[in-house]
Amino acid sequence: MNNFSFLLRHQLASQLRQIRLDKNLPITDIACRCDLSIANIDAIERGEALSFKKYFRLIRFYDKRIKILLSDEK
């Protein structure tokens, strides 16, 4: 397993889920509006290994961008 992909997916998953909850949007509404299945959105929110194209589709739907920050190791 590619560790970077795993870490990125899980970081995105929790943030994308939180965005949906903050906006009080049901998965069914999002699925209809951004051309992703309910199963795909659920899998993305759990950080499953789907194509990043699907992650980016959801990110664009929320009108967000990815920003990567480097920090000192603790």
C-alpha atoms as a PDB file:
ATOM      1  CA  MET A   1       0.000   0.000   0.000  1.00  0.00           C
ATOM      2  CA  ASN A   2       1.267   3.456  -0.892  1.00  0.00           C
ATOM      3  CA  ASN A   3       1.555   5.227   2.456  1.00  0.00           C
ATOM      4  CA  PHE A   4       1.201   8.724   0.969  1.00  0.00           C
ATOM      5  CA  SER A   5      -2.031   7.805  -0.844  1.00  0.00           C
ATOM      6  CA  PHE A   6      -3.388   6.219   2.333  1.00  0.00           C
ATOM      7  CA  LEU A   7      -2.609   9.297   4.426  1.00  0.00           C
ATOM      8  CA  LEU A   8      -4.011  11.680   1.819  1.00  0.00           C
ATOM      9  CA  ARG A   9      -7.239   9.705   1.410  1.00  0.00           C
ATOM     10  CA  HIS A  10      -7.841   9.595   5.157  1.00  0.00           C
ATOM     11  CA  GLN A  11      -7.141  13.295   5.610  1.00  0.00           C
ATOM     12  CA  LEU A  12      -9.532  14.126   2.778  1.00  0.00           C
ATOM     13  CA  ALA A  13     -12.157  11.656   4.011  1.00  0.00           C
ATOM     14  CA  SER A  14     -12.633  13.232   7.405  1.00  0.00           C
ATOM     15  CA  GLN A  15     -12.678  16.765   5.999  1.00  0.00           C
ATOM     16  CA  LEU A  16     -15.107  15.950   3.193  1.00  0.00           C
ATOM     17  CA  ARG A  17     -17.451  14.220   5.616  1.00  0.00           C
ATOM     18  CA  GLN A  18     -17.306  17.202   7.973  1.00  0.00           C
ATOM     19  CA  ILE A  19     -18.077  19.626   5.137  1.00  0.00           C
ATOM     20  CA  ARG A  20     -21.155  17.591   4.211  1.00  0.00           C
ATOM     21  CA  LEU A  21     -22.330  17.460   7.825  1.00  0.00           C
ATOM     22  CA  ASP A  22     -21.721  21.199   8.326  1.00  0.00           C
ATOM     23  CA  LYS A  23     -23.818  21.932   5.236  1.00  0.00           C
ATOM     24  CA  ASN A  24     -26.479  19.475   6.442  1.00  0.00           C
ATOM     25  CA  LEU A  25     -26.529  17.737   3.067  1.00  0.00           C
ATOM     26  CA  PRO A  26     -27.714  14.149   2.726  1.00  0.00           C
ATOM     27  CA  ILE A  27     -25.531  11.870   0.607  1.00  0.00           C
ATOM     28  CA  THR A  28     -28.474  11.275  -1.745  1.00  0.00           C
ATOM     29  CA  ASP A  29     -28.644  14.980  -2.664  1.00  0.00           C
ATOM     30  CA  ILE A  30     -24.913  15.155  -3.320  1.00  0.00           C
ATOM     31  CA  ALA A  31     -25.012  12.005  -5.454  1.00  0.00           C
ATOM     32  CA  CYS A  32     -27.685  13.525  -7.692  1.00  0.00           C
ATOM     33  CA  ARG A  33     -25.835  16.804  -8.066  1.00  0.00           C
ATOM     34  CA  CYS A  34     -22.207  15.753  -8.612  1.00  0.00           C
ATOM     35  CA  ASP A  35     -22.455  12.539 -10.657  1.00  0.00           C
ATOM     36  CA  LEU A  36     -21.140  10.187  -7.959  1.00  0.00           C
ATOM     37  CA  SER A  37     -23.010   7.225  -6.581  1.00  0.00           C
ATOM     38  CA  ILE A  38     -24.104   7.080  -2.965  1.00  0.00           C
ATOM     39  CA  ALA A  39     -21.722   4.153  -2.500  1.00  0.00           C
ATOM     40  CA  ASN A  40     -18.822   6.206  -3.905  1.00  0.00           C
ATOM     41  CA  ILE A  41     -19.504   9.160  -1.614  1.00  0.00           C
ATOM     42  CA  ASP A  42     -19.780   6.845   1.382  1.00  0.00           C
ATOM     43  CA  ALA A  43     -16.495   5.154   0.398  1.00  0.00           C
ATOM     44  CA  ILE A  44     -14.764   8.530  -0.039  1.00  0.00           C
ATOM     45  CA  GLU A  45     -15.916   9.631   3.418  1.00  0.00           C
ATOM     46  CA  ARG A  46     -14.354   6.460   4.847  1.00  0.00           C
ATOM     47  CA  GLY A  47     -11.056   6.992   3.003  1.00  0.00           C
ATOM     48  CA  GLU A  48     -11.342   3.935   0.798  1.00  0.00           C
ATOM     49  CA  ALA A  49      -9.023   3.400  -2.155  1.00  0.00           C
ATOM     50  CA  LEU A  50     -11.071   4.898  -4.974  1.00  0.00           C
ATOM     51  CA  SER A  51      -9.581   6.859  -7.838  1.00  0.00           C
ATOM     52  CA  PHE A  52      -8.535  10.357  -6.885  1.00  0.00           C
ATOM     53  CA  LYS A  53     -10.656  11.555  -9.804  1.00  0.00           C
ATOM     54  CA  LYS A  54     -13.712  10.714  -7.698  1.00  0.00           C
ATOM     55  CA  TYR A  55     -12.256  12.493  -4.670  1.00  0.00           C
ATOM     56  CA  PHE A  56     -11.568  15.558  -6.832  1.00  0.00           C
ATOM     57  CA  ARG A  57     -15.114  15.520  -8.194  1.00  0.00           C
ATOM     58  CA  LEU A  58     -16.452  15.784  -4.639  1.00  0.00           C
ATOM     59  CA  ILE A  59     -13.877  18.429  -3.717  1.00  0.00           C
ATOM     60  CA  ARG A  60     -14.941  20.536  -6.712  1.00  0.00           C
ATOM     61  CA  PHE A  61     -18.603  20.049  -5.812  1.00  0.00           C
ATOM     62  CA  TYR A  62     -17.870  21.621  -2.415  1.00  0.00           C
ATOM     63  CA  ASP A  63     -15.902  24.389  -4.174  1.00  0.00           C
ATOM     64  CA  LYS A  64     -12.738  23.516  -2.250  1.00  0.00           C
ATOM     65  CA  ARG A  65      -9.063  23.178  -3.104  1.00  0.00           C
ATOM     66  CA  ILE A  66      -6.341  20.924  -1.753  1.00  0.00           C
ATOM     67  CA  LYS A  67      -3.559  22.652   0.122  1.00  0.00           C
ATOM     68  CA  ILE A  68      -0.550  20.664   1.293  1.00  0.00           C
ATOM     69  CA  LEU A  69       1.494  21.989   4.202  1.00  0.00           C
ATOM     70  CA  LEU A  70       4.793  20.696   5.441  1.00  0.00           C
ATOM     71  CA  SER A  71       5.513  20.912   9.149  1.00  0.00           C
ATOM     72  CA  ASP A  72       8.319  19.980  11.487  1.00  0.00           C
ATOM     73  CA  GLU A  73       8.267  16.410  12.690  1.00  0.00           C
ATOM     74  CA  LYS A  74       7.550  16.014  16.381  1.00  0.00           C
END
